[in-house]
Amino acid sequence: MKTRKSLKKRFKITKTGKVLRKPAGQNHFRGKKSGKRIRKIRKWKEMPKPLAKKIKKLIA
């Protein structure tokens, strides 16, 4: 079965099996966001378990 390339680019799977994603809101309209908010957006966030399970199935 082919992997979903678009999903593979958007998510990371760690060695422990967690699925990580980047938060939305990084590309434009950043002028009105505070520096603190922009720094928080840069970090990878963990996906909720039910969604992570679905994404793992689609990527693998």
Protein backbone atom coordinates (compact mmCIF):
# COMPACT_ATOMS: atom_id res chain seq x y z
CA MET A 1 0.00 0.00 0.00
CA LYS A 2 1.26 3.49 -0.85
CA THR A 3 2.05 5.88 1.99
CA ARG A 4 0.20 9.18 2.02
CA LYS A 5 3.08 11.52 1.14
CA SER A 6 1.19 14.65 2.22
CA LEU A 7 0.69 13.18 5.71
CA LYS A 8 4.29 12.03 5.91
CA LYS A 9 5.41 15.64 5.37
CA ARG A 10 3.04 17.06 8.00
CA PHE A 11 3.58 14.63 10.86
CA LYS A 12 6.53 13.04 12.67
CA ILE A 13 6.46 9.72 14.51
CA THR A 14 8.89 9.43 17.43
CA LYS A 15 10.74 6.26 18.46
CA THR A 16 8.27 5.79 21.30
CA GLY A 17 5.36 5.94 18.83
CA LYS A 18 4.00 9.42 19.54
CA VAL A 19 2.67 11.39 16.57
CA LEU A 20 3.77 15.03 16.45
CA ARG A 21 2.32 17.91 14.45
CA LYS A 22 3.08 21.59 13.88
CA PRO A 23 0.42 24.06 15.04
CA ALA A 24 -1.40 26.20 12.46
CA GLY A 25 -0.82 29.93 12.03
CA GLN A 26 2.86 30.10 11.10
CA ASN A 27 2.81 31.32 7.51
CA HIS A 28 1.15 34.73 7.37
CA PHE A 29 -0.58 37.39 9.49
CA ARG A 30 2.23 37.07 12.01
CA GLY A 31 2.52 40.81 12.62
CA LYS A 32 -0.41 40.90 15.02
CA LYS A 33 0.77 37.86 16.99
CA SER A 34 3.02 38.37 20.00
CA GLY A 35 6.58 37.04 20.04
CA LYS A 36 5.63 34.60 22.79
CA ARG A 37 2.79 33.22 20.66
CA ILE A 38 5.04 32.84 17.59
CA ARG A 39 7.67 30.98 19.65
CA LYS A 40 5.01 28.60 20.99
CA ILE A 41 3.77 27.91 17.44
CA ARG A 42 7.28 26.82 16.35
CA LYS A 43 7.32 23.76 18.61
CA TRP A 44 5.98 20.33 17.66
CA LYS A 45 2.83 19.31 19.54
CA GLU A 46 1.66 15.79 20.37
CA MET A 47 -1.51 14.52 18.68
CA PRO A 48 -4.39 13.11 20.76
CA LYS A 49 -4.25 9.30 20.90
CA PRO A 50 -7.38 8.51 18.80
CA LEU A 51 -6.20 10.76 15.96
CA ALA A 52 -2.61 9.56 16.27
CA LYS A 53 -3.77 5.99 15.75
CA LYS A 54 -5.52 6.92 12.48
CA ILE A 55 -2.52 8.87 11.19
CA LYS A 56 -0.11 6.04 11.98
CA LYS A 57 -2.33 3.68 9.99
CA LEU A 58 -2.33 6.03 6.98
CA ILE A 59 1.43 6.69 7.05
CA ALA A 60 2.59 3.11 7.65
